[in-house]
Amino acid sequence: MNKPEFVDYVADALGTTKKDTKVYVDGIFDSIVELLDQGEEVNFNGFGKFTMEDVQAATRRNPKTGESVKVEAHRKPKFKFSNTLKSGLR
């Protein structure tokens, strides 16, 4: 399911317009990204937790060419599913 399909699904489930629902969904996604950028964790009990992870600099190998490539240290987003979601219980 892609984002427009998700917006349609939520709009139907809530009985709201697709236009309003898209604004809400975009707002939620934008807020999560902004909070992660500020160093905050975003935790939804029963769903999961969004965090940022530090990745150390390393030398990797391009599998297509076999060439060594240096990857600089960076941060990347990470999501951990809650145990409730993993077990399928709600």
C-alpha atoms as a PDB file:
ATOM      1  CA  MET A   1       0.000   0.000   0.000  1.00  0.00           C
ATOM      2  CA  ASN A   2       1.380   3.385  -0.954  1.00  0.00           C
ATOM      3  CA  LYS A   3       0.709   6.744   0.707  1.00  0.00           C
ATOM      4  CA  PRO A   4      -2.318   7.807  -1.414  1.00  0.00           C
ATOM      5  CA  GLU A   5      -3.909   4.392  -0.853  1.00  0.00           C
ATOM      6  CA  PHE A   6      -3.218   4.721   2.872  1.00  0.00           C
ATOM      7  CA  VAL A   7      -4.840   8.171   2.946  1.00  0.00           C
ATOM      8  CA  ASP A   8      -7.899   6.739   1.151  1.00  0.00           C
ATOM      9  CA  TYR A   9      -8.082   3.843   3.608  1.00  0.00           C
ATOM     10  CA  VAL A  10      -7.862   6.100   6.684  1.00  0.00           C
ATOM     11  CA  ALA A  11     -10.384   8.568   5.222  1.00  0.00           C
ATOM     12  CA  ASP A  12     -12.858   5.737   4.653  1.00  0.00           C
ATOM     13  CA  ALA A  13     -12.249   4.298   8.128  1.00  0.00           C
ATOM     14  CA  LEU A  14     -12.747   7.669   9.840  1.00  0.00           C
ATOM     15  CA  GLY A  15     -15.467   9.009   7.564  1.00  0.00           C
ATOM     16  CA  THR A  16     -13.457  12.145   6.749  1.00  0.00           C
ATOM     17  CA  THR A  17     -12.575  13.710   3.426  1.00  0.00           C
ATOM     18  CA  LYS A  18      -9.478  12.522   1.626  1.00  0.00           C
ATOM     19  CA  LYS A  19      -8.227  16.111   1.479  1.00  0.00           C
ATOM     20  CA  ASP A  20      -8.443  16.568   5.264  1.00  0.00           C
ATOM     21  CA  THR A  21      -6.976  13.125   5.922  1.00  0.00           C
ATOM     22  CA  LYS A  22      -3.991  13.852   3.650  1.00  0.00           C
ATOM     23  CA  VAL A  23      -3.267  17.014   5.675  1.00  0.00           C
ATOM     24  CA  TYR A  24      -3.341  14.983   8.922  1.00  0.00           C
ATOM     25  CA  VAL A  25      -1.180  12.150   7.569  1.00  0.00           C
ATOM     26  CA  ASP A  26       1.370  14.602   6.126  1.00  0.00           C
ATOM     27  CA  GLY A  27       1.402  16.460   9.444  1.00  0.00           C
ATOM     28  CA  ILE A  28       2.092  13.270  11.380  1.00  0.00           C
ATOM     29  CA  PHE A  29       4.912  12.195   9.054  1.00  0.00           C
ATOM     30  CA  ASP A  30       6.455  15.682   9.011  1.00  0.00           C
ATOM     31  CA  SER A  31       6.285  15.879  12.809  1.00  0.00           C
ATOM     32  CA  ILE A  32       8.012  12.513  13.228  1.00  0.00           C
ATOM     33  CA  VAL A  33      10.823  13.580  10.868  1.00  0.00           C
ATOM     34  CA  GLU A  34      11.205  16.936  12.624  1.00  0.00           C
ATOM     35  CA  LEU A  35      11.351  15.345  16.084  1.00  0.00           C
ATOM     36  CA  LEU A  36      13.926  12.772  14.958  1.00  0.00           C
ATOM     37  CA  ASP A  37      16.018  15.571  13.452  1.00  0.00           C
ATOM     38  CA  GLN A  38      15.916  17.315  16.849  1.00  0.00           C
ATOM     39  CA  GLY A  39      17.239  14.144  18.525  1.00  0.00           C
ATOM     40  CA  GLU A  40      13.915  13.077  20.050  1.00  0.00           C
ATOM     41  CA  GLU A  41      12.586   9.539  20.132  1.00  0.00           C
ATOM     42  CA  VAL A  42       8.993   9.037  19.005  1.00  0.00           C
ATOM     43  CA  ASN A  43       7.310   6.180  20.859  1.00  0.00           C
ATOM     44  CA  PHE A  44       3.794   4.909  20.145  1.00  0.00           C
ATOM     45  CA  ASN A  45       2.836   2.337  22.798  1.00  0.00           C
ATOM     46  CA  GLY A  46       1.501  -0.806  21.167  1.00  0.00           C
ATOM     47  CA  PHE A  47       2.989   0.161  17.798  1.00  0.00           C
ATOM     48  CA  GLY A  48       6.711   0.918  17.987  1.00  0.00           C
ATOM     49  CA  LYS A  49       9.488   3.452  18.463  1.00  0.00           C
ATOM     50  CA  PHE A  50      11.271   5.705  15.969  1.00  0.00           C
ATOM     51  CA  THR A  51      14.874   6.642  16.826  1.00  0.00           C
ATOM     52  CA  MET A  52      18.036   7.840  15.110  1.00  0.00           C
ATOM     53  CA  GLU A  53      21.081   5.576  14.971  1.00  0.00           C
ATOM     54  CA  ASP A  54      24.713   6.648  14.599  1.00  0.00           C
ATOM     55  CA  VAL A  55      26.605   4.743  11.910  1.00  0.00           C
ATOM     56  CA  GLN A  56      30.393   4.728  12.091  1.00  0.00           C
ATOM     57  CA  ALA A  57      32.601   5.445   9.111  1.00  0.00           C
ATOM     58  CA  ALA A  58      33.616   2.283   7.280  1.00  0.00           C
ATOM     59  CA  THR A  59      35.052   0.929   4.081  1.00  0.00           C
ATOM     60  CA  ARG A  60      32.503  -1.048   2.089  1.00  0.00           C
ATOM     61  CA  ARG A  61      32.716  -2.987  -1.122  1.00  0.00           C
ATOM     62  CA  ASN A  62      30.521  -2.248  -4.125  1.00  0.00           C
ATOM     63  CA  PRO A  63      29.154  -5.729  -4.989  1.00  0.00           C
ATOM     64  CA  LYS A  64      28.696  -4.829  -8.646  1.00  0.00           C
ATOM     65  CA  THR A  65      32.251  -3.610  -9.314  1.00  0.00           C
ATOM     66  CA  GLY A  66      34.193  -5.038  -6.369  1.00  0.00           C
ATOM     67  CA  GLU A  67      35.567  -1.542  -5.752  1.00  0.00           C
ATOM     68  CA  SER A  68      36.184  -0.369  -2.166  1.00  0.00           C
ATOM     69  CA  VAL A  69      34.098   2.648  -1.150  1.00  0.00           C
ATOM     70  CA  LYS A  70      34.583   4.798   1.945  1.00  0.00           C
ATOM     71  CA  VAL A  71      31.329   5.578   3.760  1.00  0.00           C
ATOM     72  CA  GLU A  72      31.465   8.520   6.136  1.00  0.00           C
ATOM     73  CA  ALA A  73      29.903   8.466   9.586  1.00  0.00           C
ATOM     74  CA  HIS A  74      26.245   9.430   9.481  1.00  0.00           C
ATOM     75  CA  ARG A  75      22.916   9.058  11.243  1.00  0.00           C
ATOM     76  CA  LYS A  76      20.003   7.022   9.993  1.00  0.00           C
ATOM     77  CA  PRO A  77      16.429   6.541  11.169  1.00  0.00           C
ATOM     78  CA  LYS A  78      15.492   3.288  12.865  1.00  0.00           C
ATOM     79  CA  PHE A  79      12.136   1.757  13.776  1.00  0.00           C
ATOM     80  CA  LYS A  80      11.598  -0.940  16.402  1.00  0.00           C
ATOM     81  CA  PHE A  81       8.263  -2.765  16.473  1.00  0.00           C
ATOM     82  CA  SER A  82       6.533  -3.128  19.837  1.00  0.00           C
ATOM     83  CA  ASN A  83       6.048  -6.617  21.236  1.00  0.00           C
ATOM     84  CA  THR A  84       2.285  -6.112  20.967  1.00  0.00           C
ATOM     85  CA  LEU A  85       2.530  -5.431  17.247  1.00  0.00           C
ATOM     86  CA  LYS A  86       4.955  -8.321  16.712  1.00  0.00           C
ATOM     87  CA  SER A  87       2.624 -10.777  18.391  1.00  0.00           C
ATOM     88  CA  GLY A  88      -0.385  -9.492  16.480  1.00  0.00           C
ATOM     89  CA  LEU A  89      -2.387  -8.766  19.621  1.00  0.00           C
ATOM     90  CA  ARG A  90      -4.282  -5.501  19.851  1.00  0.00           C
END
